[in-house]
PDB file of all heavy atoms in Angstrom:
ATOM      1  N   SER A   1       5.091  17.236 -17.610  1.00  0.00           N
ATOM      2  CA  SER A   1       4.516  17.386 -18.987  1.00  0.00           C
ATOM      3  C   SER A   1       3.621  16.274 -19.290  1.00  0.00           C
ATOM      4  O   SER A   1       2.801  16.459 -20.389  1.00  0.00           O
ATOM      5  CB  SER A   1       5.777  17.286 -19.945  1.00  0.00           C
ATOM      6  OG  SER A   1       6.234  16.030 -20.060  1.00  0.00           O
ATOM      7  N   LEU A   2       3.528  15.178 -18.635  1.00  0.00           N
ATOM      8  CA  LEU A   2       2.636  14.190 -18.848  1.00  0.00           C
ATOM      9  C   LEU A   2       1.449  14.149 -17.921  1.00  0.00           C
ATOM     10  O   LEU A   2       0.726  13.164 -17.789  1.00  0.00           O
ATOM     11  CB  LEU A   2       3.377  12.813 -18.719  1.00  0.00           C
ATOM     12  CG  LEU A   2       4.415  12.527 -19.768  1.00  0.00           C
ATOM     13  CD1 LEU A   2       5.271  11.359 -19.477  1.00  0.00           C
ATOM     14  CD2 LEU A   2       3.706  12.247 -21.153  1.00  0.00           C
ATOM     15  N   GLY A   3       1.348  15.254 -17.097  1.00  0.00           N
ATOM     16  CA  GLY A   3       0.173  15.414 -16.219  1.00  0.00           C
ATOM     17  C   GLY A   3       0.328  14.956 -14.872  1.00  0.00           C
ATOM     18  O   GLY A   3      -0.692  14.902 -14.026  1.00  0.00           O
ATOM     19  N   VAL A   4       1.481  14.475 -14.346  1.00  0.00           N
ATOM     20  CA  VAL A   4       1.713  14.072 -12.886  1.00  0.00           C
ATOM     21  C   VAL A   4       1.784  15.408 -12.209  1.00  0.00           C
ATOM     22  O   VAL A   4       2.617  16.136 -12.427  1.00  0.00           O
ATOM     23  CB  VAL A   4       3.128  13.226 -12.856  1.00  0.00           C
ATOM     24  CG1 VAL A   4       3.218  12.855 -11.354  1.00  0.00           C
ATOM     25  CG2 VAL A   4       2.864  11.903 -13.635  1.00  0.00           C
ATOM     26  N   ASP A   5       0.864  15.541 -11.241  1.00  0.00           N
ATOM     27  CA  ASP A   5       0.793  16.812 -10.537  1.00  0.00           C
ATOM     28  C   ASP A   5       1.603  16.914  -9.229  1.00  0.00           C
ATOM     29  O   ASP A   5       2.208  15.881  -8.805  1.00  0.00           O
ATOM     30  CB  ASP A   5      -0.649  17.248 -10.233  1.00  0.00           C
ATOM     31  CG  ASP A   5      -1.332  16.153  -9.439  1.00  0.00           C
ATOM     32  OD1 ASP A   5      -0.763  15.703  -8.327  1.00  0.00           O
ATOM     33  OD2 ASP A   5      -2.611  15.780  -9.615  1.00  0.00           O
ATOM     34  N   ASP A   6       1.578  18.043  -8.548  1.00  0.00           N
ATOM     35  CA  ASP A   6       2.434  18.403  -7.509  1.00  0.00           C
ATOM     36  C   ASP A   6       2.007  17.597  -6.196  1.00  0.00           C
ATOM     37  O   ASP A   6       2.779  17.464  -5.217  1.00  0.00           O
ATOM     38  CB  ASP A   6       2.565  19.775  -7.236  1.00  0.00           C
ATOM     39  CG  ASP A   6       3.244  20.562  -8.297  1.00  0.00           C
ATOM     40  OD1 ASP A   6       4.077  19.914  -8.957  1.00  0.00           O
ATOM     41  OD2 ASP A   6       3.172  21.660  -8.403  1.00  0.00           O
ATOM     42  N   GLN A   7       0.815  17.090  -6.101  1.00  0.00           N
ATOM     43  CA  GLN A   7       0.466  16.159  -4.977  1.00  0.00           C
ATOM     44  C   GLN A   7       0.975  14.864  -5.141  1.00  0.00           C
ATOM     45  O   GLN A   7       1.468  14.127  -4.233  1.00  0.00           O
ATOM     46  CB  GLN A   7      -1.095  16.173  -4.856  1.00  0.00           C
ATOM     47  CG  GLN A   7      -1.436  15.245  -3.646  1.00  0.00           C
ATOM     48  CD  GLN A   7      -2.828  14.962  -3.442  1.00  0.00           C
ATOM     49  OE1 GLN A   7      -3.656  15.223  -4.483  1.00  0.00           O
ATOM     50  NE2 GLN A   7      -3.353  14.520  -2.372  1.00  0.00           N
ATOM     51  N   VAL A   8       1.057  14.286  -6.355  1.00  0.00           N
ATOM     52  CA  VAL A   8       1.511  12.897  -6.665  1.00  0.00           C
ATOM     53  C   VAL A   8       3.039  12.864  -6.785  1.00  0.00           C
ATOM     54  O   VAL A   8       3.606  11.794  -6.289  1.00  0.00           O
ATOM     55  CB  VAL A   8       0.797  12.445  -7.984  1.00  0.00           C
ATOM     56  CG1 VAL A   8       1.390  11.048  -8.336  1.00  0.00           C
ATOM     57  CG2 VAL A   8      -0.735  12.312  -7.767  1.00  0.00           C
ATOM     58  N   LEU A   9       3.595  13.917  -7.400  1.00  0.00           N
ATOM     59  CA  LEU A   9       5.008  13.807  -7.616  1.00  0.00           C
ATOM     60  C   LEU A   9       5.900  13.480  -6.369  1.00  0.00           C
ATOM     61  O   LEU A   9       6.831  12.660  -6.449  1.00  0.00           O
ATOM     62  CB  LEU A   9       5.602  15.060  -8.263  1.00  0.00           C
ATOM     63  CG  LEU A   9       6.980  15.090  -8.756  1.00  0.00           C
ATOM     64  CD1 LEU A   9       7.291  13.951  -9.692  1.00  0.00           C
ATOM     65  CD2 LEU A   9       7.222  16.438  -9.566  1.00  0.00           C
ATOM     66  N   PRO A  10       5.689  14.139  -5.333  1.00  0.00           N
ATOM     67  CA  PRO A  10       6.566  13.767  -4.013  1.00  0.00           C
ATOM     68  C   PRO A  10       6.366  12.285  -3.658  1.00  0.00           C
ATOM     69  O   PRO A  10       7.322  11.658  -3.199  1.00  0.00           O
ATOM     70  CB  PRO A  10       6.030  14.704  -2.947  1.00  0.00           C
ATOM     71  CG  PRO A  10       5.412  15.879  -3.687  1.00  0.00           C
ATOM     72  CD  PRO A  10       4.749  15.233  -4.980  1.00  0.00           C
ATOM     73  N   ILE A  11       5.222  11.740  -3.889  1.00  0.00           N
ATOM     74  CA  ILE A  11       5.024  10.288  -3.478  1.00  0.00           C
ATOM     75  C   ILE A  11       5.803   9.473  -4.515  1.00  0.00           C
ATOM     76  O   ILE A  11       6.446   8.483  -4.245  1.00  0.00           O
ATOM     77  CB  ILE A  11       3.523  10.001  -3.505  1.00  0.00           C
ATOM     78  CG1 ILE A  11       2.830  10.848  -2.357  1.00  0.00           C
ATOM     79  CG2 ILE A  11       3.258   8.414  -3.317  1.00  0.00           C
ATOM     80  CD1 ILE A  11       1.359  10.636  -2.422  1.00  0.00           C
ATOM     81  N   VAL A  12       5.725   9.828  -5.786  1.00  0.00           N
ATOM     82  CA  VAL A  12       6.346   8.982  -6.900  1.00  0.00           C
ATOM     83  C   VAL A  12       7.807   9.023  -6.613  1.00  0.00           C
ATOM     84  O   VAL A  12       8.508   7.901  -6.758  1.00  0.00           O
ATOM     85  CB  VAL A  12       6.129   9.701  -8.276  1.00  0.00           C
ATOM     86  CG1 VAL A  12       6.902   9.233  -9.349  1.00  0.00           C
ATOM     87  CG2 VAL A  12       4.604   9.593  -8.677  1.00  0.00           C
ATOM     88  N   ARG A  13       8.441  10.025  -6.071  1.00  0.00           N
ATOM     89  CA  ARG A  13       9.854  10.120  -5.845  1.00  0.00           C
ATOM     90  C   ARG A  13      10.312   9.243  -4.651  1.00  0.00           C
ATOM     91  O   ARG A  13      11.493   8.969  -4.504  1.00  0.00           O
ATOM     92  CB  ARG A  13      10.258  11.539  -5.576  1.00  0.00           C
ATOM     93  CG  ARG A  13      10.333  12.425  -6.792  1.00  0.00           C
ATOM     94  CD  ARG A  13      11.261  11.931  -7.840  1.00  0.00           C
ATOM     95  NE  ARG A  13      11.317  12.748  -8.919  1.00  0.00           N
ATOM     96  CZ  ARG A  13      11.904  12.386 -10.217  1.00  0.00           C
ATOM     97  NH1 ARG A  13      12.350  11.123 -10.269  1.00  0.00           N
ATOM     98  NH2 ARG A  13      12.039  13.158 -11.139  1.00  0.00           N
ATOM     99  N   LEU A  14       9.358   8.732  -3.928  1.00  0.00           N
ATOM    100  CA  LEU A  14       9.671   7.759  -2.804  1.00  0.00           C
ATOM    101  C   LEU A  14       9.639   6.370  -3.280  1.00  0.00           C
ATOM    102  O   LEU A  14      10.220   5.462  -2.446  1.00  0.00           O
ATOM    103  CB  LEU A  14       8.653   8.036  -1.622  1.00  0.00           C
ATOM    104  CG  LEU A  14       8.686   9.318  -1.001  1.00  0.00           C
ATOM    105  CD1 LEU A  14       7.599   9.330   0.096  1.00  0.00           C
ATOM    106  CD2 LEU A  14      10.028   9.760  -0.334  1.00  0.00           C
ATOM    107  N   LEU A  15       9.119   6.019  -4.361  1.00  0.00           N
ATOM    108  CA  LEU A  15       8.879   4.689  -4.868  1.00  0.00           C
ATOM    109  C   LEU A  15      10.288   3.926  -5.157  1.00  0.00           C
ATOM    110  O   LEU A  15      11.062   4.564  -5.940  1.00  0.00           O
ATOM    111  CB  LEU A  15       7.964   4.563  -6.017  1.00  0.00           C
ATOM    112  CG  LEU A  15       6.522   5.100  -5.845  1.00  0.00           C
ATOM    113  CD1 LEU A  15       5.752   5.146  -7.173  1.00  0.00           C
ATOM    114  CD2 LEU A  15       5.863   4.300  -4.809  1.00  0.00           C
ATOM    115  N   THR A  16      10.429   2.709  -4.658  1.00  0.00           N
ATOM    116  CA  THR A  16      11.661   2.007  -4.938  1.00  0.00           C
ATOM    117  C   THR A  16      11.368   0.765  -5.739  1.00  0.00           C
ATOM    118  O   THR A  16      12.353   0.275  -6.412  1.00  0.00           O
ATOM    119  CB  THR A  16      12.346   1.563  -3.646  1.00  0.00           C
ATOM    120  OG1 THR A  16      11.347   0.832  -2.834  1.00  0.00           O
ATOM    121  CG2 THR A  16      12.795   2.826  -2.775  1.00  0.00           C
ATOM    122  N   ARG A  17      10.195   0.237  -5.743  1.00  0.00           N
ATOM    123  CA  ARG A  17       9.928  -0.892  -6.535  1.00  0.00           C
ATOM    124  C   ARG A  17       8.521  -0.828  -7.227  1.00  0.00           C
ATOM    125  O   ARG A  17       7.787   0.004  -6.847  1.00  0.00           O
ATOM    126  CB  ARG A  17       9.931  -2.147  -5.575  1.00  0.00           C
ATOM    127  CG  ARG A  17      11.226  -2.477  -4.965  1.00  0.00           C
ATOM    128  CD  ARG A  17      11.049  -3.781  -4.229  1.00  0.00           C
ATOM    129  NE  ARG A  17      10.152  -3.797  -3.037  1.00  0.00           N
ATOM    130  CZ  ARG A  17       9.265  -4.719  -2.817  1.00  0.00           C
ATOM    131  NH1 ARG A  17       9.290  -5.849  -3.634  1.00  0.00           N
ATOM    132  NH2 ARG A  17       8.587  -4.645  -1.705  1.00  0.00           N
ATOM    133  N   GLU A  18       8.311  -1.582  -8.280  1.00  0.00           N
ATOM    134  CA  GLU A  18       7.097  -1.603  -9.066  1.00  0.00           C
ATOM    135  C   GLU A  18       6.006  -2.084  -8.075  1.00  0.00           C
ATOM    136  O   GLU A  18       4.876  -1.715  -8.326  1.00  0.00           O
ATOM    137  CB  GLU A  18       7.229  -2.485 -10.340  1.00  0.00           C
ATOM    138  CG  GLU A  18       7.975  -1.819 -11.419  1.00  0.00           C
ATOM    139  CD  GLU A  18       7.698  -2.324 -12.790  1.00  0.00           C
ATOM    140  OE1 GLU A  18       6.564  -2.799 -13.096  1.00  0.00           O
ATOM    141  OE2 GLU A  18       8.759  -2.583 -13.650  1.00  0.00           O
ATOM    142  N   ALA A  19       6.303  -3.001  -7.240  1.00  0.00           N
ATOM    143  CA  ALA A  19       5.256  -3.431  -6.357  1.00  0.00           C
ATOM    144  C   ALA A  19       4.643  -2.270  -5.594  1.00  0.00           C
ATOM    145  O   ALA A  19       3.447  -2.320  -5.188  1.00  0.00           O
ATOM    146  CB  ALA A  19       5.897  -4.521  -5.342  1.00  0.00           C
ATOM    147  N   HIS A  20       5.394  -1.350  -5.121  1.00  0.00           N
ATOM    148  CA  HIS A  20       4.934  -0.140  -4.393  1.00  0.00           C
ATOM    149  C   HIS A  20       4.031   0.703  -5.332  1.00  0.00           C
ATOM    150  O   HIS A  20       3.044   1.263  -4.962  1.00  0.00           O
ATOM    151  CB  HIS A  20       6.062   0.659  -3.814  1.00  0.00           C
ATOM    152  CG  HIS A  20       6.926   0.057  -2.928  1.00  0.00           C
ATOM    153  ND1 HIS A  20       8.189   0.435  -2.508  1.00  0.00           N
ATOM    154  CD2 HIS A  20       6.776  -1.070  -2.112  1.00  0.00           C
ATOM    155  CE1 HIS A  20       8.809  -0.391  -1.600  1.00  0.00           C
ATOM    156  NE2 HIS A  20       7.829  -1.266  -1.328  1.00  0.00           N
ATOM    157  N   LEU A  21       4.400   0.682  -6.616  1.00  0.00           N
ATOM    158  CA  LEU A  21       3.523   1.395  -7.499  1.00  0.00           C
ATOM    159  C   LEU A  21       2.232   0.733  -7.684  1.00  0.00           C
ATOM    160  O   LEU A  21       1.080   1.370  -7.713  1.00  0.00           O
ATOM    161  CB  LEU A  21       4.165   1.576  -8.920  1.00  0.00           C
ATOM    162  CG  LEU A  21       3.361   2.138 -10.063  1.00  0.00           C
ATOM    163  CD1 LEU A  21       2.849   3.570  -9.672  1.00  0.00           C
ATOM    164  CD2 LEU A  21       4.299   2.149 -11.380  1.00  0.00           C
ATOM    165  N   ASP A  22       2.357  -0.573  -7.703  1.00  0.00           N
ATOM    166  CA  ASP A  22       1.008  -1.429  -7.864  1.00  0.00           C
ATOM    167  C   ASP A  22       0.137  -1.059  -6.609  1.00  0.00           C
ATOM    168  O   ASP A  22      -1.183  -1.100  -6.725  1.00  0.00           O
ATOM    169  CB  ASP A  22       1.208  -2.897  -7.897  1.00  0.00           C
ATOM    170  CG  ASP A  22       1.963  -3.240  -9.181  1.00  0.00           C
ATOM    171  OD1 ASP A  22       1.951  -2.504 -10.228  1.00  0.00           O
ATOM    172  OD2 ASP A  22       2.632  -4.303  -9.318  1.00  0.00           O
ATOM    173  N   ALA A  23       0.645  -0.957  -5.466  1.00  0.00           N
ATOM    174  CA  ALA A  23      -0.095  -0.791  -4.280  1.00  0.00           C
ATOM    175  C   ALA A  23      -0.752   0.659  -4.311  1.00  0.00           C
ATOM    176  O   ALA A  23      -1.886   0.757  -3.656  1.00  0.00           O
ATOM    177  CB  ALA A  23       0.825  -0.801  -2.982  1.00  0.00           C
ATOM    178  N   LEU A  24      -0.399   1.536  -5.138  1.00  0.00           N
ATOM    179  CA  LEU A  24      -0.913   2.923  -5.115  1.00  0.00           C
ATOM    180  C   LEU A  24      -2.125   2.846  -6.228  1.00  0.00           C
ATOM    181  O   LEU A  24      -2.704   3.940  -6.431  1.00  0.00           O
ATOM    182  CB  LEU A  24       0.048   3.917  -5.501  1.00  0.00           C
ATOM    183  CG  LEU A  24       1.155   4.075  -4.538  1.00  0.00           C
ATOM    184  CD1 LEU A  24       2.024   5.190  -4.883  1.00  0.00           C
ATOM    185  CD2 LEU A  24       0.615   4.594  -3.158  1.00  0.00           C
ATOM    186  N   GLN A  25      -2.281   1.841  -6.893  1.00  0.00           N
ATOM    187  CA  GLN A  25      -3.132   1.860  -8.199  1.00  0.00           C
ATOM    188  C   GLN A  25      -4.542   2.407  -7.950  1.00  0.00           C
ATOM    189  O   GLN A  25      -4.977   3.226  -8.740  1.00  0.00           O
ATOM    190  CB  GLN A  25      -3.250   0.497  -8.708  1.00  0.00           C
ATOM    191  CG  GLN A  25      -4.184   0.301  -9.918  1.00  0.00           C
ATOM    192  CD  GLN A  25      -4.283  -1.104 -10.380  1.00  0.00           C
ATOM    193  OE1 GLN A  25      -3.449  -1.851 -10.329  1.00  0.00           O
ATOM    194  NE2 GLN A  25      -5.484  -1.526 -10.846  1.00  0.00           N
ATOM    195  N   HIS A  26      -5.161   2.010  -6.865  1.00  0.00           N
ATOM    196  CA  HIS A  26      -6.515   2.430  -6.713  1.00  0.00           C
ATOM    197  C   HIS A  26      -6.661   3.721  -5.901  1.00  0.00           C
ATOM    198  O   HIS A  26      -7.684   4.298  -5.666  1.00  0.00           O
ATOM    199  CB  HIS A  26      -7.377   1.390  -5.845  1.00  0.00           C
ATOM    200  CG  HIS A  26      -7.315   0.048  -6.660  1.00  0.00           C
ATOM    201  ND1 HIS A  26      -8.022  -0.046  -7.838  1.00  0.00           N
ATOM    202  CD2 HIS A  26      -6.848  -1.121  -6.419  1.00  0.00           C
ATOM    203  CE1 HIS A  26      -7.974  -1.262  -8.254  1.00  0.00           C
ATOM    204  NE2 HIS A  26      -7.169  -1.949  -7.386  1.00  0.00           N
ATOM    205  N   MET A  27      -5.491   4.317  -5.544  1.00  0.00           N
ATOM    206  CA  MET A  27      -5.465   5.566  -4.892  1.00  0.00           C
ATOM    207  C   MET A  27      -5.136   6.769  -5.868  1.00  0.00           C
ATOM    208  O   MET A  27      -5.542   7.967  -5.609  1.00  0.00           O
ATOM    209  CB  MET A  27      -4.352   5.678  -3.721  1.00  0.00           C
ATOM    210  CG  MET A  27      -4.418   4.572  -2.714  1.00  0.00           C
ATOM    211  SD  MET A  27      -3.001   4.505  -1.631  1.00  0.00           S
ATOM    212  CE  MET A  27      -3.100   2.862  -1.116  1.00  0.00           C
ATOM    213  N   LEU A  28      -4.469   6.506  -6.925  1.00  0.00           N
ATOM    214  CA  LEU A  28      -4.034   7.482  -7.880  1.00  0.00           C
ATOM    215  C   LEU A  28      -5.039   7.744  -8.983  1.00  0.00           C
ATOM    216  O   LEU A  28      -5.841   6.904  -9.248  1.00  0.00           O
ATOM    217  CB  LEU A  28      -2.704   6.997  -8.600  1.00  0.00           C
ATOM    218  CG  LEU A  28      -1.440   6.988  -7.647  1.00  0.00           C
ATOM    219  CD1 LEU A  28      -0.396   6.292  -8.481  1.00  0.00           C
ATOM    220  CD2 LEU A  28      -1.090   8.263  -7.229  1.00  0.00           C
ATOM    221  N   PRO A  29      -5.085   9.045  -9.504  1.00  0.00           N
ATOM    222  CA  PRO A  29      -5.862   9.183 -10.768  1.00  0.00           C
ATOM    223  C   PRO A  29      -5.438   8.217 -11.864  1.00  0.00           C
ATOM    224  O   PRO A  29      -4.256   7.942 -11.993  1.00  0.00           O
ATOM    225  CB  PRO A  29      -5.526  10.658 -11.077  1.00  0.00           C
ATOM    226  CG  PRO A  29      -5.014  11.292  -9.798  1.00  0.00           C
ATOM    227  CD  PRO A  29      -4.339  10.229  -9.067  1.00  0.00           C
ATOM    228  N   ALA A  30      -6.391   7.673 -12.530  1.00  0.00           N
ATOM    229  CA  ALA A  30      -6.128   6.555 -13.496  1.00  0.00           C
ATOM    230  C   ALA A  30      -5.134   6.917 -14.561  1.00  0.00           C
ATOM    231  O   ALA A  30      -4.230   6.150 -14.795  1.00  0.00           O
ATOM    232  CB  ALA A  30      -7.567   6.141 -14.075  1.00  0.00           C
ATOM    233  N   LEU A  31      -5.178   8.060 -15.212  1.00  0.00           N
ATOM    234  CA  LEU A  31      -4.289   8.429 -16.161  1.00  0.00           C
ATOM    235  C   LEU A  31      -2.888   8.661 -15.672  1.00  0.00           C
ATOM    236  O   LEU A  31      -1.815   8.406 -16.329  1.00  0.00           O
ATOM    237  CB  LEU A  31      -4.778   9.572 -17.108  1.00  0.00           C
ATOM    238  CG  LEU A  31      -5.979   9.262 -18.017  1.00  0.00           C
ATOM    239  CD1 LEU A  31      -6.269  10.490 -18.856  1.00  0.00           C
ATOM    240  CD2 LEU A  31      -5.576   8.126 -18.976  1.00  0.00           C
ATOM    241  N   GLN A  32      -2.814   9.241 -14.514  1.00  0.00           N
ATOM    242  CA  GLN A  32      -1.448   9.390 -13.890  1.00  0.00           C
ATOM    243  C   GLN A  32      -0.749   7.947 -13.582  1.00  0.00           C
ATOM    244  O   GLN A  32       0.390   7.857 -13.706  1.00  0.00           O
ATOM    245  CB  GLN A  32      -1.633  10.345 -12.677  1.00  0.00           C
ATOM    246  CG  GLN A  32      -1.991  11.800 -12.952  1.00  0.00           C
ATOM    247  CD  GLN A  32      -1.712  12.679 -11.823  1.00  0.00           C
ATOM    248  OE1 GLN A  32      -0.692  12.545 -11.199  1.00  0.00           O
ATOM    249  NE2 GLN A  32      -2.656  13.543 -11.481  1.00  0.00           N
ATOM    250  N   TYR A  33      -1.690   7.182 -13.104  1.00  0.00           N
ATOM    251  CA  TYR A  33      -1.168   5.827 -12.863  1.00  0.00           C
ATOM    252  C   TYR A  33      -0.732   5.224 -14.130  1.00  0.00           C
ATOM    253  O   TYR A  33       0.449   4.614 -14.188  1.00  0.00           O
ATOM    254  CB  TYR A  33      -2.192   4.939 -12.265  1.00  0.00           C
ATOM    255  CG  TYR A  33      -1.711   3.538 -12.017  1.00  0.00           C
ATOM    256  CD1 TYR A  33      -0.965   3.182 -10.915  1.00  0.00           C
ATOM    257  CD2 TYR A  33      -2.203   2.550 -12.862  1.00  0.00           C
ATOM    258  CE1 TYR A  33      -0.545   1.793 -10.834  1.00  0.00           C
ATOM    259  CE2 TYR A  33      -1.883   1.178 -12.722  1.00  0.00           C
ATOM    260  CZ  TYR A  33      -1.053   0.762 -11.680  1.00  0.00           C
ATOM    261  OH  TYR A  33      -0.635  -0.461 -11.539  1.00  0.00           O
ATOM    262  N   ASP A  34      -1.437   5.346 -15.265  1.00  0.00           N
ATOM    263  CA  ASP A  34      -0.983   4.736 -16.535  1.00  0.00           C
ATOM    264  C   ASP A  34       0.412   5.352 -16.934  1.00  0.00           C
ATOM    265  O   ASP A  34       1.222   4.681 -17.602  1.00  0.00           O
ATOM    266  CB  ASP A  34      -2.097   5.078 -17.589  1.00  0.00           C
ATOM    267  CG  ASP A  34      -3.342   4.264 -17.338  1.00  0.00           C
ATOM    268  OD1 ASP A  34      -3.162   3.213 -16.658  1.00  0.00           O
ATOM    269  OD2 ASP A  34      -4.334   4.564 -17.956  1.00  0.00           O
ATOM    270  N   VAL A  35       0.458   6.595 -16.747  1.00  0.00           N
ATOM    271  CA  VAL A  35       1.850   7.386 -17.115  1.00  0.00           C
ATOM    272  C   VAL A  35       2.923   6.737 -16.281  1.00  0.00           C
ATOM    273  O   VAL A  35       4.016   6.404 -16.842  1.00  0.00           O
ATOM    274  CB  VAL A  35       1.672   8.923 -16.751  1.00  0.00           C
ATOM    275  CG1 VAL A  35       3.164   9.390 -16.780  1.00  0.00           C
ATOM    276  CG2 VAL A  35       0.767   9.519 -17.852  1.00  0.00           C
ATOM    277  N   LEU A  36       2.756   6.492 -15.023  1.00  0.00           N
ATOM    278  CA  LEU A  36       3.782   5.903 -14.107  1.00  0.00           C
ATOM    279  C   LEU A  36       4.087   4.471 -14.551  1.00  0.00           C
ATOM    280  O   LEU A  36       5.280   4.127 -14.471  1.00  0.00           O
ATOM    281  CB  LEU A  36       3.357   5.948 -12.630  1.00  0.00           C
ATOM    282  CG  LEU A  36       3.099   7.330 -12.066  1.00  0.00           C
ATOM    283  CD1 LEU A  36       2.565   7.443 -10.700  1.00  0.00           C
ATOM    284  CD2 LEU A  36       4.417   8.182 -12.139  1.00  0.00           C
ATOM    285  N   VAL A  37       3.093   3.759 -14.899  1.00  0.00           N
ATOM    286  CA  VAL A  37       3.325   2.336 -15.288  1.00  0.00           C
ATOM    287  C   VAL A  37       4.216   2.305 -16.579  1.00  0.00           C
ATOM    288  O   VAL A  37       5.049   1.489 -16.753  1.00  0.00           O
ATOM    289  CB  VAL A  37       1.949   1.558 -15.529  1.00  0.00           C
ATOM    290  CG1 VAL A  37       2.184   0.325 -16.283  1.00  0.00           C
ATOM    291  CG2 VAL A  37       1.307   1.286 -14.135  1.00  0.00           C
ATOM    292  N   ALA A  38       3.797   3.226 -17.519  1.00  0.00           N
ATOM    293  CA  ALA A  38       4.540   3.264 -18.720  1.00  0.00           C
ATOM    294  C   ALA A  38       6.004   3.671 -18.557  1.00  0.00           C
ATOM    295  O   ALA A  38       7.023   3.093 -19.128  1.00  0.00           O
ATOM    296  CB  ALA A  38       3.845   4.237 -19.698  1.00  0.00           C
ATOM    297  N   LEU A  39       6.225   4.704 -17.775  1.00  0.00           N
ATOM    298  CA  LEU A  39       7.595   5.100 -17.440  1.00  0.00           C
ATOM    299  C   LEU A  39       8.460   4.052 -16.762  1.00  0.00           C
ATOM    300  O   LEU A  39       9.595   3.823 -17.047  1.00  0.00           O
ATOM    301  CB  LEU A  39       7.559   6.464 -16.791  1.00  0.00           C
ATOM    302  CG  LEU A  39       7.058   7.694 -17.480  1.00  0.00           C
ATOM    303  CD1 LEU A  39       6.800   8.848 -16.550  1.00  0.00           C
ATOM    304  CD2 LEU A  39       7.889   7.991 -18.732  1.00  0.00           C
ATOM    305  N   ALA A  40       7.742   3.348 -15.835  1.00  0.00           N
ATOM    306  CA  ALA A  40       8.399   2.270 -15.009  1.00  0.00           C
ATOM    307  C   ALA A  40       8.897   1.195 -15.903  1.00  0.00           C
ATOM    308  O   ALA A  40       9.764   0.460 -15.638  1.00  0.00           O
ATOM    309  CB  ALA A  40       7.428   1.798 -13.911  1.00  0.00           C
ATOM    310  N   SER A  41       8.119   0.877 -16.984  1.00  0.00           N
ATOM    311  CA  SER A  41       8.414  -0.152 -17.843  1.00  0.00           C
ATOM    312  C   SER A  41       9.524   0.147 -18.845  1.00  0.00           C
ATOM    313  O   SER A  41       9.902  -0.745 -19.650  1.00  0.00           O
ATOM    314  CB  SER A  41       7.221  -0.685 -18.719  1.00  0.00           C
ATOM    315  OG  SER A  41       6.815   0.423 -19.630  1.00  0.00           O
TER     316      SER A  41
END
């Protein structure tokens, strides 16, 4: 509902720490990354 698509979602489900999310920052679409950061917080 927040725009995280089916290519990104399987990768998101593998994340265990915020540091791993940070490592994906420059690979992910900017707004999808913003969504993930907000939900992680």
